[in-house]
Amino acid sequence: LGEGNYIVLADLAEFDLSKYNPYIELKVDEENVYL
């Protein structure tokens, strides 16, 4: 992620969203995703 604006398509577990949005807590296990 360089400078500028991006749309990122990825798996549910590939990014730590809290680094880019502190109001989001995303956790993923084998069966569920927790937002």
Full PDB file with SEQRES, HELIX, SHEET, SSBOND, CRYST1, ORIGX, SCALE, CONECT and MASTER records, all heavy atoms in Angstrom:
SEQRES   1 A   35  LEU GLY GLU GLY ASN TYR ILE VAL LEU ALA ASP LEU ALA          
SEQRES   2 A   35  GLU PHE ASP LEU SER LYS TYR ASN PRO TYR ILE GLU LEU          
SEQRES   3 A   35  LYS VAL ASP GLU GLU ASN VAL TYR LEU                          
HELIX    1 AA1 LEU A   17  LYS A   19  5                                   3    
SHEET    1 AA1 2 LYS A  27  VAL A  28  0                                        
SHEET    2 AA1 2 VAL A  33  TYR A  34 -1                                        
CRYST1    1.000    1.000    1.000  90.00  90.00  90.00 P 1           1          
ORIGX1      1.000000  0.000000  0.000000        0.00000                         
ORIGX2      0.000000  1.000000  0.000000        0.00000                         
ORIGX3      0.000000  0.000000  1.000000        0.00000                         
SCALE1      1.000000  0.000000  0.000000        0.00000                         
SCALE2      0.000000  1.000000  0.000000        0.00000                         
SCALE3      0.000000  0.000000  1.000000        0.00000                         
ATOM      1  N   LEU A   1       0.866  -1.178   0.000  1.00  0.00           N  
ATOM      2  CA  LEU A   1       0.000   0.000   0.000  1.00  0.00           C  
ATOM      3  C   LEU A   1       0.903   1.228   0.000  1.00  0.00           C  
ATOM      4  O   LEU A   1       1.479   1.588   1.031  1.00  0.00           O  
ATOM      5  CB  LEU A   1      -0.916   0.000   1.229  1.00  0.00           C  
ATOM      6  CG  LEU A   1      -1.999  -1.073   1.263  1.00  0.00           C  
ATOM      7  CD1 LEU A   1      -2.747  -1.031   2.586  1.00  0.00           C  
ATOM      8  CD2 LEU A   1      -2.975  -0.898   0.108  1.00  0.00           C  
ATOM      9  N   GLY A   2       1.037   1.845  -1.165  1.00  0.00           N  
ATOM     10  CA  GLY A   2       1.860   3.040  -1.255  1.00  0.00           C  
ATOM     11  C   GLY A   2       1.028   4.285  -1.030  1.00  0.00           C  
ATOM     12  O   GLY A   2      -0.015   4.253  -0.359  1.00  0.00           O  
ATOM     13  N   GLU A   3       1.468   5.386  -1.582  1.00  0.00           N  
ATOM     14  CA  GLU A   3       0.700   6.618  -1.481  1.00  0.00           C  
ATOM     15  C   GLU A   3      -0.477   6.575  -2.444  1.00  0.00           C  
ATOM     16  O   GLU A   3      -0.398   5.990  -3.523  1.00  0.00           O  
ATOM     17  CB  GLU A   3       1.596   7.819  -1.800  1.00  0.00           C  
ATOM     18  CG  GLU A   3       2.716   8.041  -0.798  1.00  0.00           C  
ATOM     19  CD  GLU A   3       3.509   9.298  -1.091  1.00  0.00           C  
ATOM     20  OE1 GLU A   3       3.208   9.966  -2.104  1.00  0.00           O  
ATOM     21  OE2 GLU A   3       4.423   9.613  -0.315  1.00  0.00           O  
ATOM     22  N   GLY A   4      -1.594   7.175  -2.054  1.00  0.00           N  
ATOM     23  CA  GLY A   4      -2.756   7.224  -2.934  1.00  0.00           C  
ATOM     24  C   GLY A   4      -3.936   6.447  -2.388  1.00  0.00           C  
ATOM     25  O   GLY A   4      -3.966   6.048  -1.214  1.00  0.00           O  
ATOM     26  N   ASN A   5      -4.932   6.232  -3.252  1.00  0.00           N  
ATOM     27  CA  ASN A   5      -6.187   5.583  -2.874  1.00  0.00           C  
ATOM     28  C   ASN A   5      -6.269   4.197  -3.511  1.00  0.00           C  
ATOM     29  O   ASN A   5      -5.942   4.033  -4.697  1.00  0.00           O  
ATOM     30  CB  ASN A   5      -7.373   6.426  -3.350  1.00  0.00           C  
ATOM     31  CG  ASN A   5      -7.332   7.844  -2.793  1.00  0.00           C  
ATOM     32  OD1 ASN A   5      -7.114   8.055  -1.607  1.00  0.00           O  
ATOM     33  ND2 ASN A   5      -7.524   8.824  -3.667  1.00  0.00           N  
ATOM     34  N   TYR A   6      -6.742   3.228  -2.723  1.00  0.00           N  
ATOM     35  CA  TYR A   6      -6.765   1.850  -3.205  1.00  0.00           C  
ATOM     36  C   TYR A   6      -8.067   1.141  -2.847  1.00  0.00           C  
ATOM     37  O   TYR A   6      -8.658   1.388  -1.788  1.00  0.00           O  
ATOM     38  CB  TYR A   6      -5.608   1.050  -2.592  1.00  0.00           C  
ATOM     39  CG  TYR A   6      -4.244   1.551  -2.965  1.00  0.00           C  
ATOM     40  CD1 TYR A   6      -3.556   2.421  -2.123  1.00  0.00           C  
ATOM     41  CD2 TYR A   6      -3.632   1.161  -4.152  1.00  0.00           C  
ATOM     42  CE1 TYR A   6      -2.301   2.896  -2.454  1.00  0.00           C  
ATOM     43  CE2 TYR A   6      -2.367   1.628  -4.497  1.00  0.00           C  
ATOM     44  CZ  TYR A   6      -1.709   2.496  -3.643  1.00  0.00           C  
ATOM     45  OH  TYR A   6      -0.465   2.970  -3.979  1.00  0.00           O  
ATOM     46  N   ILE A   7      -8.480   0.235  -3.745  1.00  0.00           N  
ATOM     47  CA  ILE A   7      -9.505  -0.760  -3.444  1.00  0.00           C  
ATOM     48  C   ILE A   7      -8.776  -2.090  -3.385  1.00  0.00           C  
ATOM     49  O   ILE A   7      -8.071  -2.466  -4.341  1.00  0.00           O  
ATOM     50  CB  ILE A   7     -10.596  -0.784  -4.529  1.00  0.00           C  
ATOM     51  CG1 ILE A   7     -11.313   0.572  -4.586  1.00  0.00           C  
ATOM     52  CG2 ILE A   7     -11.599  -1.903  -4.256  1.00  0.00           C  
ATOM     53  CD1 ILE A   7     -12.274   0.708  -5.752  1.00  0.00           C  
ATOM     54  N   VAL A   8      -8.902  -2.796  -2.271  1.00  0.00           N  
ATOM     55  CA  VAL A   8      -8.119  -4.004  -2.038  1.00  0.00           C  
ATOM     56  C   VAL A   8      -9.044  -5.211  -1.965  1.00  0.00           C  
ATOM     57  O   VAL A   8      -9.926  -5.272  -1.102  1.00  0.00           O  
ATOM     58  CB  VAL A   8      -7.306  -3.888  -0.735  1.00  0.00           C  
ATOM     59  CG1 VAL A   8      -6.453  -5.139  -0.528  1.00  0.00           C  
ATOM     60  CG2 VAL A   8      -6.428  -2.640  -0.761  1.00  0.00           C  
ATOM     61  N   LEU A   9      -8.846  -6.166  -2.874  1.00  0.00           N  
ATOM     62  CA  LEU A   9      -9.590  -7.416  -2.856  1.00  0.00           C  
ATOM     63  C   LEU A   9      -8.696  -8.491  -2.258  1.00  0.00           C  
ATOM     64  O   LEU A   9      -7.593  -8.756  -2.774  1.00  0.00           O  
ATOM     65  CB  LEU A   9     -10.017  -7.829  -4.267  1.00  0.00           C  
ATOM     66  CG  LEU A   9     -11.289  -7.166  -4.826  1.00  0.00           C  
ATOM     67  CD1 LEU A   9     -11.069  -5.684  -5.073  1.00  0.00           C  
ATOM     68  CD2 LEU A   9     -11.740  -7.858  -6.108  1.00  0.00           C  
ATOM     69  N   ALA A  10      -9.159  -9.112  -1.166  1.00  0.00           N  
ATOM     70  CA  ALA A  10      -8.319 -10.073  -0.462  1.00  0.00           C  
ATOM     71  C   ALA A  10      -9.191 -11.033   0.335  1.00  0.00           C  
ATOM     72  O   ALA A  10     -10.409 -10.883   0.411  1.00  0.00           O  
ATOM     73  CB  ALA A  10      -7.345  -9.337   0.466  1.00  0.00           C  
ATOM     74  N   ASP A  11      -8.541 -12.017   0.937  1.00  0.00           N  
ATOM     75  CA  ASP A  11      -9.246 -12.952   1.811  1.00  0.00           C  
ATOM     76  C   ASP A  11      -9.578 -12.278   3.136  1.00  0.00           C  
ATOM     77  O   ASP A  11      -8.950 -11.283   3.523  1.00  0.00           O  
ATOM     78  CB  ASP A  11      -8.384 -14.194   2.060  1.00  0.00           C  
ATOM     79  CG  ASP A  11      -9.130 -15.255   2.840  1.00  0.00           C  
ATOM     80  OD1 ASP A  11      -9.995 -15.924   2.249  1.00  0.00           O  
ATOM     81  OD2 ASP A  11      -8.864 -15.396   4.048  1.00  0.00           O  
ATOM     82  N   LEU A  12     -10.537 -12.843   3.833  1.00  0.00           N  
ATOM     83  CA  LEU A  12     -10.988 -12.260   5.098  1.00  0.00           C  
ATOM     84  C   LEU A  12      -9.874 -12.147   6.131  1.00  0.00           C  
ATOM     85  O   LEU A  12      -9.918 -11.267   6.999  1.00  0.00           O  
ATOM     86  CB  LEU A  12     -12.129 -13.108   5.671  1.00  0.00           C  
ATOM     87  CG  LEU A  12     -13.457 -13.021   4.903  1.00  0.00           C  
ATOM     88  CD1 LEU A  12     -14.326 -14.224   5.210  1.00  0.00           C  
ATOM     89  CD2 LEU A  12     -14.176 -11.738   5.238  1.00  0.00           C  
ATOM     90  N   ALA A  13      -8.873 -13.016   6.052  1.00  0.00           N  
ATOM     91  CA  ALA A  13      -7.852 -13.053   7.097  1.00  0.00           C  
ATOM     92  C   ALA A  13      -6.518 -12.450   6.659  1.00  0.00           C  
ATOM     93  O   ALA A  13      -5.537 -12.548   7.389  1.00  0.00           O  
ATOM     94  CB  ALA A  13      -7.636 -14.499   7.550  1.00  0.00           C  
ATOM     95  N   GLU A  14      -6.471 -11.807   5.501  1.00  0.00           N  
ATOM     96  CA  GLU A  14      -5.177 -11.350   4.979  1.00  0.00           C  
ATOM     97  C   GLU A  14      -4.721 -10.000   5.503  1.00  0.00           C  
ATOM     98  O   GLU A  14      -3.541  -9.670   5.394  1.00  0.00           O  
ATOM     99  CB  GLU A  14      -5.218 -11.314   3.450  1.00  0.00           C  
ATOM    100  CG  GLU A  14      -5.172 -12.691   2.808  1.00  0.00           C  
ATOM    101  CD  GLU A  14      -4.994 -12.633   1.304  1.00  0.00           C  
ATOM    102  OE1 GLU A  14      -6.019 -12.580   0.600  1.00  0.00           O  
ATOM    103  OE2 GLU A  14      -3.847 -12.647   0.839  1.00  0.00           O  
ATOM    104  N   PHE A  15      -5.641  -9.195   6.028  1.00  0.00           N  
ATOM    105  CA  PHE A  15      -5.261  -7.853   6.476  1.00  0.00           C  
ATOM    106  C   PHE A  15      -5.745  -7.594   7.899  1.00  0.00           C  
ATOM    107  O   PHE A  15      -6.820  -8.063   8.298  1.00  0.00           O  
ATOM    108  CB  PHE A  15      -5.842  -6.781   5.544  1.00  0.00           C  
ATOM    109  CG  PHE A  15      -5.111  -6.641   4.248  1.00  0.00           C  
ATOM    110  CD1 PHE A  15      -5.443  -7.439   3.164  1.00  0.00           C  
ATOM    111  CD2 PHE A  15      -4.075  -5.724   4.111  1.00  0.00           C  
ATOM    112  CE1 PHE A  15      -4.770  -7.321   1.967  1.00  0.00           C  
ATOM    113  CE2 PHE A  15      -3.397  -5.599   2.914  1.00  0.00           C  
ATOM    114  CZ  PHE A  15      -3.740  -6.399   1.840  1.00  0.00           C  
ATOM    115  N   ASP A  16      -4.951  -6.859   8.639  1.00  0.00           N  
ATOM    116  CA  ASP A  16      -5.357  -6.373   9.958  1.00  0.00           C  
ATOM    117  C   ASP A  16      -6.021  -5.009   9.756  1.00  0.00           C  
ATOM    118  O   ASP A  16      -5.349  -3.982   9.641  1.00  0.00           O  
ATOM    119  CB  ASP A  16      -4.139  -6.251  10.875  1.00  0.00           C  
ATOM    120  CG  ASP A  16      -4.503  -5.734  12.266  1.00  0.00           C  
ATOM    121  OD1 ASP A  16      -5.708  -5.533  12.535  1.00  0.00           O  
ATOM    122  OD2 ASP A  16      -3.577  -5.531  13.072  1.00  0.00           O  
ATOM    123  N   LEU A  17      -7.358  -5.002   9.701  1.00  0.00           N  
ATOM    124  CA  LEU A  17      -8.078  -3.761   9.397  1.00  0.00           C  
ATOM    125  C   LEU A  17      -7.866  -2.689  10.453  1.00  0.00           C  
ATOM    126  O   LEU A  17      -7.989  -1.496  10.159  1.00  0.00           O  
ATOM    127  CB  LEU A  17      -9.573  -4.046   9.251  1.00  0.00           C  
ATOM    128  CG  LEU A  17     -10.012  -4.910   8.063  1.00  0.00           C  
ATOM    129  CD1 LEU A  17     -11.528  -4.875   7.921  1.00  0.00           C  
ATOM    130  CD2 LEU A  17      -9.359  -4.457   6.779  1.00  0.00           C  
ATOM    131  N   SER A  18      -7.598  -3.097  11.686  1.00  0.00           N  
ATOM    132  CA  SER A  18      -7.466  -2.101  12.759  1.00  0.00           C  
ATOM    133  C   SER A  18      -6.328  -1.125  12.495  1.00  0.00           C  
ATOM    134  O   SER A  18      -6.312  -0.021  13.029  1.00  0.00           O  
ATOM    135  CB  SER A  18      -7.257  -2.794  14.104  1.00  0.00           C  
ATOM    136  OG  SER A  18      -6.015  -3.491  14.119  1.00  0.00           O  
ATOM    137  N   LYS A  19      -5.359  -1.519  11.640  1.00  0.00           N  
ATOM    138  CA  LYS A  19      -4.262  -0.605  11.316  1.00  0.00           C  
ATOM    139  C   LYS A  19      -4.745   0.564  10.460  1.00  0.00           C  
ATOM    140  O   LYS A  19      -4.133   1.629  10.446  1.00  0.00           O  
ATOM    141  CB  LYS A  19      -3.159  -1.356  10.557  1.00  0.00           C  
ATOM    142  CG  LYS A  19      -2.411  -2.375  11.397  1.00  0.00           C  
ATOM    143  CD  LYS A  19      -1.319  -3.039  10.553  1.00  0.00           C  
ATOM    144  CE  LYS A  19      -0.529  -4.048  11.374  1.00  0.00           C  
ATOM    145  NZ  LYS A  19       0.515  -4.713  10.546  1.00  0.00           N  
ATOM    146  N   TYR A  20      -5.834   0.339   9.730  1.00  0.00           N  
ATOM    147  CA  TYR A  20      -6.325   1.345   8.791  1.00  0.00           C  
ATOM    148  C   TYR A  20      -7.663   1.946   9.219  1.00  0.00           C  
ATOM    149  O   TYR A  20      -8.100   2.943   8.658  1.00  0.00           O  
ATOM    150  CB  TYR A  20      -6.461   0.722   7.399  1.00  0.00           C  
ATOM    151  CG  TYR A  20      -5.222  -0.029   6.983  1.00  0.00           C  
ATOM    152  CD1 TYR A  20      -5.178  -1.421   7.045  1.00  0.00           C  
ATOM    153  CD2 TYR A  20      -4.088   0.647   6.566  1.00  0.00           C  
ATOM    154  CE1 TYR A  20      -4.031  -2.121   6.682  1.00  0.00           C  
ATOM    155  CE2 TYR A  20      -2.933  -0.042   6.203  1.00  0.00           C  
ATOM    156  CZ  TYR A  20      -2.913  -1.428   6.270  1.00  0.00           C  
ATOM    157  OH  TYR A  20      -1.777  -2.104   5.918  1.00  0.00           O  
ATOM    158  N   ASN A  21      -8.303   1.307  10.176  1.00  0.00           N  
ATOM    159  CA  ASN A  21      -9.577   1.811  10.705  1.00  0.00           C  
ATOM    160  C   ASN A  21      -9.730   1.315  12.138  1.00  0.00           C  
ATOM    161  O   ASN A  21     -10.129   0.172  12.359  1.00  0.00           O  
ATOM    162  CB  ASN A  21     -10.748   1.333   9.847  1.00  0.00           C  
ATOM    163  CG  ASN A  21     -12.050   2.009  10.229  1.00  0.00           C  
ATOM    164  OD1 ASN A  21     -12.223   2.464  11.362  1.00  0.00           O  
ATOM    165  ND2 ASN A  21     -12.977   2.076   9.305  1.00  0.00           N  
ATOM    166  N   PRO A  22      -9.415   2.143  13.135  1.00  0.00           N  
ATOM    167  CA  PRO A  22      -9.440   1.685  14.528  1.00  0.00           C  
ATOM    168  C   PRO A  22     -10.842   1.383  15.056  1.00  0.00           C  
ATOM    169  O   PRO A  22     -10.985   0.848  16.156  1.00  0.00           O  
ATOM    170  CB  PRO A  22      -8.809   2.853  15.292  1.00  0.00           C  
ATOM    171  CG  PRO A  22      -9.048   4.042  14.421  1.00  0.00           C  
ATOM    172  CD  PRO A  22      -8.977   3.537  13.014  1.00  0.00           C  
ATOM    173  N   TYR A  23     -11.876   1.717  14.281  1.00  0.00           N  
ATOM    174  CA  TYR A  23     -13.242   1.458  14.734  1.00  0.00           C  
ATOM    175  C   TYR A  23     -13.733   0.084  14.301  1.00  0.00           C  
ATOM    176  O   TYR A  23     -14.885  -0.270  14.526  1.00  0.00           O  
ATOM    177  CB  TYR A  23     -14.184   2.543  14.204  1.00  0.00           C  
ATOM    178  CG  TYR A  23     -13.831   3.912  14.741  1.00  0.00           C  
ATOM    179  CD1 TYR A  23     -12.941   4.741  14.079  1.00  0.00           C  
ATOM    180  CD2 TYR A  23     -14.365   4.356  15.947  1.00  0.00           C  
ATOM    181  CE1 TYR A  23     -12.588   5.976  14.586  1.00  0.00           C  
ATOM    182  CE2 TYR A  23     -14.021   5.590  16.466  1.00  0.00           C  
ATOM    183  CZ  TYR A  23     -13.130   6.396  15.785  1.00  0.00           C  
ATOM    184  OH  TYR A  23     -12.790   7.618  16.305  1.00  0.00           O  
ATOM    185  N   ILE A  24     -12.875  -0.677  13.658  1.00  0.00           N  
ATOM    186  CA  ILE A  24     -13.257  -2.002  13.179  1.00  0.00           C  
ATOM    187  C   ILE A  24     -12.408  -3.055  13.874  1.00  0.00           C  
ATOM    188  O   ILE A  24     -11.189  -2.958  13.924  1.00  0.00           O  
ATOM    189  CB  ILE A  24     -13.080  -2.117  11.652  1.00  0.00           C  
ATOM    190  CG1 ILE A  24     -14.092  -1.219  10.940  1.00  0.00           C  
ATOM    191  CG2 ILE A  24     -13.246  -3.559  11.193  1.00  0.00           C  
ATOM    192  CD1 ILE A  24     -13.949  -1.217   9.439  1.00  0.00           C  
ATOM    193  N   GLU A  25     -13.078  -4.062  14.406  1.00  0.00           N  
ATOM    194  CA  GLU A  25     -12.400  -5.204  15.014  1.00  0.00           C  
ATOM    195  C   GLU A  25     -12.832  -6.450  14.242  1.00  0.00           C  
ATOM    196  O   GLU A  25     -13.975  -6.882  14.327  1.00  0.00           O  
ATOM    197  CB  GLU A  25     -12.776  -5.327  16.490  1.00  0.00           C  
ATOM    198  CG  GLU A  25     -12.055  -6.458  17.202  1.00  0.00           C  
ATOM    199  CD  GLU A  25     -12.462  -6.543  18.670  1.00  0.00           C  
ATOM    200  OE1 GLU A  25     -13.667  -6.678  18.941  1.00  0.00           O  
ATOM    201  OE2 GLU A  25     -11.574  -6.477  19.533  1.00  0.00           O  
ATOM    202  N   LEU A  26     -11.923  -7.004  13.465  1.00  0.00           N  
ATOM    203  CA  LEU A  26     -12.226  -8.165  12.626  1.00  0.00           C  
ATOM    204  C   LEU A  26     -11.393  -9.358  13.089  1.00  0.00           C  
ATOM    205  O   LEU A  26     -10.166  -9.272  13.186  1.00  0.00           O  
ATOM    206  CB  LEU A  26     -11.910  -7.849  11.158  1.00  0.00           C  
ATOM    207  CG  LEU A  26     -12.162  -8.982  10.157  1.00  0.00           C  
ATOM    208  CD1 LEU A  26     -13.651  -9.292  10.053  1.00  0.00           C  
ATOM    209  CD2 LEU A  26     -11.599  -8.617   8.784  1.00  0.00           C  
ATOM    210  N   LYS A  27     -12.094 -10.448  13.377  1.00  0.00           N  
ATOM    211  CA  LYS A  27     -11.430 -11.689  13.754  1.00  0.00           C  
ATOM    212  C   LYS A  27     -11.996 -12.817  12.901  1.00  0.00           C  
ATOM    213  O   LYS A  27     -13.181 -12.818  12.566  1.00  0.00           O  
ATOM    214  CB  LYS A  27     -11.640 -11.997  15.239  1.00  0.00           C  
ATOM    215  CG  LYS A  27     -11.017 -10.969  16.178  1.00  0.00           C  
ATOM    216  CD  LYS A  27     -11.248 -11.344  17.631  1.00  0.00           C  
ATOM    217  CE  LYS A  27     -10.622 -10.307  18.569  1.00  0.00           C  
ATOM    218  NZ  LYS A  27     -10.855 -10.643  20.000  1.00  0.00           N  
ATOM    219  N   VAL A  28     -11.139 -13.769  12.566  1.00  0.00           N  
ATOM    220  CA  VAL A  28     -11.535 -14.863  11.682  1.00  0.00           C  
ATOM    221  C   VAL A  28     -11.023 -16.171  12.255  1.00  0.00           C  
ATOM    222  O   VAL A  28      -9.874 -16.263  12.697  1.00  0.00           O  
ATOM    223  CB  VAL A  28     -10.952 -14.661  10.259  1.00  0.00           C  
ATOM    224  CG1 VAL A  28     -11.428 -15.764   9.330  1.00  0.00           C  
ATOM    225  CG2 VAL A  28     -11.327 -13.293   9.707  1.00  0.00           C  
ATOM    226  N   ASP A  29     -11.900 -17.187  12.291  1.00  0.00           N  
ATOM    227  CA  ASP A  29     -11.445 -18.540  12.600  1.00  0.00           C  
ATOM    228  C   ASP A  29     -11.862 -19.458  11.462  1.00  0.00           C  
ATOM    229  O   ASP A  29     -12.290 -19.005  10.401  1.00  0.00           O  
ATOM    230  CB  ASP A  29     -11.956 -19.022  13.961  1.00  0.00           C  
ATOM    231  CG  ASP A  29     -13.479 -19.062  14.060  1.00  0.00           C  
ATOM    232  OD1 ASP A  29     -14.143 -19.272  13.029  1.00  0.00           O  
ATOM    233  OD2 ASP A  29     -14.012 -18.897  15.179  1.00  0.00           O  
ATOM    234  N   GLU A  30     -11.764 -20.760  11.646  1.00  0.00           N  
ATOM    235  CA  GLU A  30     -12.019 -21.690  10.545  1.00  0.00           C  
ATOM    236  C   GLU A  30     -13.461 -21.649  10.058  1.00  0.00           C  
ATOM    237  O   GLU A  30     -13.736 -21.892   8.878  1.00  0.00           O  
ATOM    238  CB  GLU A  30     -11.655 -23.108  10.973  1.00  0.00           C  
ATOM    239  CG  GLU A  30     -10.147 -23.310  11.161  1.00  0.00           C  
ATOM    240  CD  GLU A  30      -9.811 -24.750  11.484  1.00  0.00           C  
ATOM    241  OE1 GLU A  30     -10.747 -25.578  11.539  1.00  0.00           O  
ATOM    242  OE2 GLU A  30      -8.616 -25.039  11.677  1.00  0.00           O  
ATOM    243  N   GLU A  31     -14.410 -21.337  10.938  1.00  0.00           N  
ATOM    244  CA  GLU A  31     -15.822 -21.387  10.559  1.00  0.00           C  
ATOM    245  C   GLU A  31     -16.495 -20.024  10.496  1.00  0.00           C  
ATOM    246  O   GLU A  31     -17.420 -19.826   9.711  1.00  0.00           O  
ATOM    247  CB  GLU A  31     -16.595 -22.282  11.543  1.00  0.00           C  
ATOM    248  CG  GLU A  31     -16.187 -23.739  11.480  1.00  0.00           C  
ATOM    249  CD  GLU A  31     -17.074 -24.604  12.354  1.00  0.00           C  
ATOM    250  OE1 GLU A  31     -17.973 -24.046  13.042  1.00  0.00           O  
ATOM    251  OE2 GLU A  31     -16.876 -25.826  12.353  1.00  0.00           O  
ATOM    252  N   ASN A  32     -16.049 -19.082  11.319  1.00  0.00           N  
ATOM    253  CA  ASN A  32     -16.758 -17.814  11.454  1.00  0.00           C  
ATOM    254  C   ASN A  32     -15.852 -16.613  11.237  1.00  0.00           C  
ATOM    255  O   ASN A  32     -14.622 -16.701  11.365  1.00  0.00           O  
ATOM    256  CB  ASN A  32     -17.394 -17.707  12.846  1.00  0.00           C  
ATOM    257  CG  ASN A  32     -18.423 -18.779  13.088  1.00  0.00           C  
ATOM    258  OD1 ASN A  32     -19.319 -19.001  12.281  1.00  0.00           O  
ATOM    259  ND2 ASN A  32     -18.301 -19.483  14.202  1.00  0.00           N  
ATOM    260  N   VAL A  33     -16.497 -15.508  10.913  1.00  0.00           N  
ATOM    261  CA  VAL A  33     -15.821 -14.219  10.891  1.00  0.00           C  
ATOM    262  C   VAL A  33     -16.572 -13.330  11.873  1.00  0.00           C  
ATOM    263  O   VAL A  33     -17.805 -13.348  11.932  1.00  0.00           O  
ATOM    264  CB  VAL A  33     -15.795 -13.617   9.466  1.00  0.00           C  
ATOM    265  CG1 VAL A  33     -17.185 -13.530   8.876  1.00  0.00           C  
ATOM    266  CG2 VAL A  33     -15.155 -12.228   9.479  1.00  0.00           C  
ATOM    267  N   TYR A  34     -15.836 -12.571  12.673  1.00  0.00           N  
ATOM    268  CA  TYR A  34     -16.427 -11.730  13.712  1.00  0.00           C  
ATOM    269  C   TYR A  34     -16.099 -10.274  13.400  1.00  0.00           C  
ATOM    270  O   TYR A  34     -14.925  -9.892  13.340  1.00  0.00           O  
ATOM    271  CB  TYR A  34     -15.877 -12.100  15.084  1.00  0.00           C  
ATOM    272  CG  TYR A  34     -16.040 -13.560  15.437  1.00  0.00           C  
ATOM    273  CD1 TYR A  34     -15.080 -14.493  15.034  1.00  0.00           C  
ATOM    274  CD2 TYR A  34     -17.143 -14.007  16.148  1.00  0.00           C  
ATOM    275  CE1 TYR A  34     -15.220 -15.832  15.338  1.00  0.00           C  
ATOM    276  CE2 TYR A  34     -17.290 -15.351  16.461  1.00  0.00           C  
ATOM    277  CZ  TYR A  34     -16.334 -16.257  16.054  1.00  0.00           C  
ATOM    278  OH  TYR A  34     -16.483 -17.594  16.353  1.00  0.00           O  
ATOM    279  N   LEU A  35     -17.132  -9.475  13.208  1.00  0.00           N  
ATOM    280  CA  LEU A  35     -16.939  -8.048  12.966  1.00  0.00           C  
ATOM    281  C   LEU A  35     -17.553  -7.274  14.116  1.00  0.00           C  
ATOM    282  O   LEU A  35     -18.760  -7.349  14.346  1.00  0.00           O  
ATOM    283  CB  LEU A  35     -17.575  -7.622  11.644  1.00  0.00           C  
ATOM    284  CG  LEU A  35     -17.366  -6.150  11.275  1.00  0.00           C  
ATOM    285  CD1 LEU A  35     -15.900  -5.892  10.944  1.00  0.00           C  
ATOM    286  CD2 LEU A  35     -18.240  -5.726  10.115  1.00  0.00           C  
TER     287      LEU A  35                                                      
MASTER        0    0    0    1    2    0    0    6  286    1    0    3          
END                                                                             
